[in-house]
Protein backbone atom coordinates (compact mmCIF):
# COMPACT_ATOMS: atom_id res chain seq x y z
CA MET A 1 1.86 -26.40 0.55
CA LYS A 2 -0.47 -26.38 4.05
CA SER A 3 -4.06 -25.17 4.04
CA LYS A 4 -4.43 -21.27 4.64
CA SER A 5 -5.83 -21.68 8.12
CA GLU A 6 -3.16 -23.65 8.68
CA LEU A 7 -0.51 -21.56 7.23
CA VAL A 8 -2.37 -18.44 9.25
CA ALA A 9 -2.08 -20.08 12.30
CA GLU A 10 2.08 -20.58 12.29
CA ILE A 11 2.08 -16.70 11.94
CA LYS A 12 3.34 -15.04 14.54
CA LYS A 13 1.47 -12.16 16.23
CA ASN A 14 4.26 -10.82 18.17
CA SER A 15 6.50 -10.73 15.07
CA MET A 16 4.46 -9.65 11.98
CA PRO A 17 5.91 -7.34 9.49
CA CYS A 18 4.24 -3.97 9.63
CA HIS A 19 4.46 -3.05 6.04
CA ILE A 20 4.56 -5.18 2.94
CA ALA A 21 5.81 -4.21 -0.47
CA ILE A 22 4.77 -6.27 -3.67
CA ILE A 23 6.42 -5.86 -7.33
CA MET A 24 3.43 -7.85 -9.21
CA ASP A 25 5.50 -9.38 -11.86
CA GLY A 26 4.51 -11.70 -14.71
CA ASN A 27 1.20 -10.65 -15.95
CA GLY A 28 2.04 -10.55 -19.74
CA ARG A 29 3.78 -14.01 -19.21
CA TRP A 30 1.01 -15.53 -17.80
CA ALA A 31 -0.96 -14.48 -20.47
CA LYS A 32 1.47 -15.73 -23.22
CA SER A 33 1.41 -18.84 -21.51
CA LYS A 34 -2.15 -19.42 -22.27
CA ASN A 35 -2.23 -17.26 -25.96
CA LEU A 36 -4.02 -14.92 -24.36
CA PRO A 37 -3.68 -10.70 -25.25
CA ARG A 38 -1.43 -9.11 -22.32
CA VAL A 39 -4.62 -7.06 -20.99
CA LYS A 40 -5.66 -10.65 -19.94
CA GLY A 41 -2.64 -11.00 -17.89
CA HIS A 42 -3.61 -7.98 -16.28
CA TYR A 43 -7.03 -8.36 -15.58
CA GLU A 44 -6.31 -11.56 -14.05
CA GLY A 45 -3.62 -9.48 -12.07
CA THR A 46 -6.01 -7.29 -10.51
CA ARG A 47 -8.06 -10.59 -9.18
CA ALA A 48 -4.82 -11.32 -7.58
CA VAL A 49 -5.06 -8.41 -5.72
CA LYS A 50 -7.89 -8.25 -4.68
CA ARG A 51 -7.18 -11.51 -3.03
CA ILE A 52 -4.09 -10.56 -1.31
CA VAL A 53 -5.74 -7.42 0.23
CA LYS A 54 -8.62 -9.71 1.36
CA VAL A 55 -6.15 -12.07 3.83
CA SER A 56 -3.84 -8.99 4.77
CA GLY A 57 -6.76 -7.19 6.20
CA GLU A 58 -7.64 -10.64 7.73
CA ILE A 59 -4.18 -11.17 9.18
CA GLY A 60 -4.22 -7.45 10.81
CA LEU A 61 -1.16 -6.10 8.29
CA ASP A 62 -0.88 -2.81 9.02
CA TYR A 63 0.36 -1.19 5.28
CA LEU A 64 0.69 -2.67 2.03
CA THR A 65 2.38 -1.21 -1.07
CA ILE A 66 1.63 -2.48 -4.52
CA TYR A 67 3.32 -1.71 -7.80
CA ALA A 68 0.83 -0.94 -10.48
CA PHE A 69 2.24 0.78 -13.25
CA SER A 70 5.70 2.31 -13.11
CA THR A 71 7.21 5.41 -14.88
CA GLU A 72 9.22 2.92 -17.22
CA ASN A 73 5.95 0.79 -18.13
CA TRP A 74 5.44 3.96 -20.73
CA LYS A 75 7.85 2.25 -22.89
CA ARG A 76 5.93 -0.87 -23.25
CA PRO A 77 4.75 -1.24 -26.99
CA ASN A 78 1.27 -0.58 -28.71
CA ASN A 79 -1.26 0.49 -26.39
CA GLU A 80 -0.56 -1.21 -23.66
CA PRO A 81 0.17 1.47 -21.06
CA LYS A 82 -2.93 2.96 -22.03
CA ALA A 83 -4.59 0.03 -21.38
CA VAL A 84 -3.39 -1.07 -18.12
CA LEU A 85 -4.30 2.77 -16.87
CA THR A 86 -7.96 2.29 -18.35
CA LEU A 87 -7.85 -1.26 -16.38
CA ILE A 88 -6.86 0.76 -13.11
CA GLU A 89 -9.41 3.23 -13.56
CA ASN A 90 -12.33 1.10 -14.80
CA THR A 91 -11.44 -2.19 -12.65
CA LEU A 92 -9.82 -1.63 -9.52
CA MET A 93 -11.62 1.73 -9.11
CA LYS A 94 -14.81 -0.43 -8.35
CA GLU A 95 -13.41 -1.85 -5.73
CA ILE A 96 -13.58 1.26 -4.10
CA ARG A 97 -17.04 0.77 -2.10
CA GLU A 98 -15.82 -2.65 -1.14
CA LEU A 99 -12.54 -1.77 0.37
CA TYR A 100 -13.77 1.46 2.14
CA GLU A 101 -16.90 -1.52 3.76
CA SER A 102 -13.72 -4.05 4.66
CA ASN A 103 -12.09 -0.50 6.36
CA VAL A 104 -9.74 0.07 4.38
CA VAL A 105 -7.40 3.07 3.67
CA ILE A 106 -6.37 3.35 -0.03
CA LYS A 107 -4.10 5.88 -1.34
CA PHE A 108 -2.54 6.27 -4.74
CA ILE A 109 1.34 7.49 -4.82
CA GLY A 110 3.33 8.53 -7.93
CA SER A 111 3.72 11.22 -10.58
CA ARG A 112 0.10 12.82 -11.92
CA ASP A 113 2.60 13.51 -15.14
CA GLY A 114 0.61 11.76 -17.94
CA ILE A 115 -2.39 10.80 -15.51
CA SER A 116 -5.59 11.64 -17.34
CA LYS A 117 -7.87 13.88 -15.41
CA SER A 118 -10.51 11.33 -14.73
CA LEU A 119 -8.44 9.09 -13.19
CA ALA A 120 -6.39 11.37 -10.96
CA GLN A 121 -9.87 12.68 -9.45
CA LYS A 122 -10.66 9.11 -8.84
CA MET A 123 -7.55 8.60 -6.85
CA ASP A 124 -8.17 11.53 -5.21
CA ASN A 125 -11.83 10.42 -4.73
CA ALA A 126 -10.84 7.08 -3.10
CA TYR A 127 -8.42 8.09 -0.53
CA GLU A 128 -11.05 11.04 0.57
CA LEU A 129 -13.83 8.17 0.95
CA THR A 130 -11.40 5.72 2.79
CA LYS A 131 -9.09 7.90 4.77
CA ASN A 132 -10.58 7.70 7.87
CA ASN A 133 -10.50 3.98 7.89
CA THR A 134 -8.78 2.40 10.65
CA GLY A 135 -7.79 -0.87 9.03
CA LEU A 136 -5.37 -1.90 6.31
CA HIS A 137 -3.88 1.24 4.90
CA LEU A 138 -3.18 -0.04 1.19
CA PHE A 139 -0.49 2.19 -1.04
CA VAL A 140 -1.12 1.49 -4.89
CA ALA A 141 2.08 3.04 -7.00
CA VAL A 142 1.10 4.25 -10.17
CA ASN A 143 3.10 6.11 -12.64
CA TYR A 144 5.54 5.21 -9.66
CA GLY A 145 9.23 5.36 -10.08
CA GLY A 146 11.59 5.40 -6.72
CA ARG A 147 14.70 7.65 -8.73
CA LEU A 148 11.95 10.13 -9.63
CA GLU A 149 10.39 10.38 -6.38
CA ILE A 150 13.72 11.32 -4.50
CA VAL A 151 13.96 13.89 -7.12
CA GLU A 152 10.74 15.23 -6.45
CA GLY A 153 12.13 15.28 -2.80
CA ILE A 154 15.09 17.27 -3.22
CA ASN A 155 13.38 19.70 -5.19
CA ALA A 156 10.57 20.29 -2.81
CA LEU A 157 13.94 21.20 -0.25
CA LEU A 158 15.23 23.25 -2.83
CA LYS A 159 11.83 25.64 -3.11
CA GLU A 160 11.87 25.51 0.91
CA LYS A 161 15.80 26.67 0.29
CA LYS A 162 16.97 24.34 2.71
CA ASN A 163 20.78 24.00 2.97
CA SER A 164 21.03 20.61 4.49
CA ILE A 165 18.43 17.76 5.40
CA THR A 166 18.97 14.77 7.85
CA LEU A 167 18.38 11.39 6.77
CA GLU A 168 15.47 11.25 9.39
CA ASP A 169 13.84 14.18 8.18
CA PHE A 170 13.94 13.58 4.22
CA PRO A 171 11.56 10.70 4.08
CA ASN A 172 9.14 13.41 4.93
CA TYR A 173 9.58 14.70 1.44
CA LEU A 174 8.78 11.34 -0.17
CA TYR A 175 5.66 9.99 -1.44
CA THR A 176 5.07 7.51 1.60
CA LYS A 177 6.08 9.98 4.04
CA GLY A 178 4.53 9.03 7.63
CA VAL A 179 4.59 5.51 6.58
CA PRO A 180 7.04 2.81 8.12
CA ASP A 181 9.82 1.43 5.36
CA PRO A 182 8.38 -2.12 4.32
CA ASP A 183 9.40 -5.31 6.50
CA LEU A 184 9.37 -7.26 3.61
CA LEU A 185 9.32 -6.98 -0.16
CA ILE A 186 7.90 -9.83 -2.38
CA ARG A 187 8.29 -10.36 -6.15
CA THR A 188 6.86 -12.59 -8.22
CA SER A 189 7.80 -14.42 -11.67
CA GLY A 190 11.18 -14.99 -10.99
CA GLU A 191 12.74 -12.10 -11.61
CA MET A 192 15.62 -11.09 -8.75
CA ARG A 193 15.79 -7.08 -8.93
CA ILE A 194 13.71 -4.24 -7.43
CA SER A 195 13.19 -2.14 -10.68
CA ASN A 196 13.24 1.63 -9.22
CA TYR A 197 10.41 0.42 -6.95
CA LEU A 198 11.01 2.19 -2.96
CA ILE A 199 14.35 2.69 -3.41
CA TRP A 200 14.91 4.32 -0.50
CA GLN A 201 12.58 2.77 1.72
CA ILE A 202 14.00 -0.66 0.97
CA ALA A 203 17.20 -0.12 2.03
CA TYR A 204 16.80 -2.46 5.15
CA SER A 205 13.69 -4.79 3.71
CA GLU A 206 14.07 -8.48 3.83
CA MET A 207 13.65 -9.91 0.24
CA TYR A 208 11.08 -12.66 -1.15
CA PHE A 209 11.42 -14.04 -4.57
CA THR A 210 8.98 -16.77 -6.35
CA LYS A 211 8.71 -17.73 -9.73
CA THR A 212 5.20 -17.40 -9.41
CA LEU A 213 3.42 -15.38 -11.75
CA TRP A 214 1.43 -12.28 -10.31
CA PRO A 215 -2.04 -13.81 -11.34
CA ASP A 216 -1.46 -17.24 -9.93
CA PHE A 217 0.03 -15.57 -6.56
CA SER A 218 -2.26 -17.17 -3.69
CA GLN A 219 -2.77 -16.06 -0.59
CA GLU A 220 -1.40 -19.18 1.21
CA GLU A 221 1.99 -18.27 -1.11
CA PHE A 222 1.57 -14.63 0.62
CA LEU A 223 1.68 -15.98 4.10
CA GLN A 224 4.24 -18.89 3.52
CA ALA A 225 6.18 -15.62 2.74
CA ILE A 226 5.49 -13.73 5.79
CA ILE A 227 6.67 -16.84 7.60
CA ASP A 228 9.66 -17.34 5.75
CA PHE A 229 10.29 -13.12 6.76
CA GLN A 230 9.40 -14.66 10.47
CA THR A 231 12.41 -16.69 10.59
CA ARG A 232 15.31 -14.22 9.27
CA ALA A 233 17.55 -12.19 11.82
CA ARG A 234 17.23 -8.53 11.51
CA ARG A 235 20.26 -6.84 11.87
CA PHE A 236 19.96 -3.64 10.37
CA GLY A 237 23.62 -3.50 9.99
CA GLY A 238 24.42 -4.76 13.79
CA VAL A 239 25.40 -7.90 15.16
């Protein structure tokens, strides 16, 4: 693969994706391949997050949304769900000051049901600290499910006693209100499904699948995914 600087030079600034969403898959398999505990894979995954956020800021990406913990992840065995949420609280949260100083806005999206009060408070504090920044907008999906998001939006409509809704207005009832839909969806680890992720928002997203496990996902491959995106003709149902 080409060097980071060579790949950055190849990116066409006039056709940059505005919003990239990532399904960060493969932490557990990465750990298993090295005979390590699964939680170690999740820890290494946070390091991958840091480098992708860094390069996103460097190239001027507007929005990045990462899938950190799904509503289905509660079904995982033993104490893995608790361990992952603790990791988010204790590891990712340590990066908030650095994100603030890097001009990043960070916001957590998803349901707060089942989330500890301490984690919920730190999520809110992170947004309050960074909300006036003007660089990359980083959305972290925690306890997130696409179907749940839509149902919650419908329930909000019912509370307002609305009889109908337009396609243009409904996004105002989603977690991503005011955010453009992802232009590009990246999924690591070789799986080729969307796993209940941003299912309203990715209706016309381009998709990039790679066999690379998330802890091994590099800045170079991220840049290559953007270059691949820029070769595609997006018709949005037209000709």
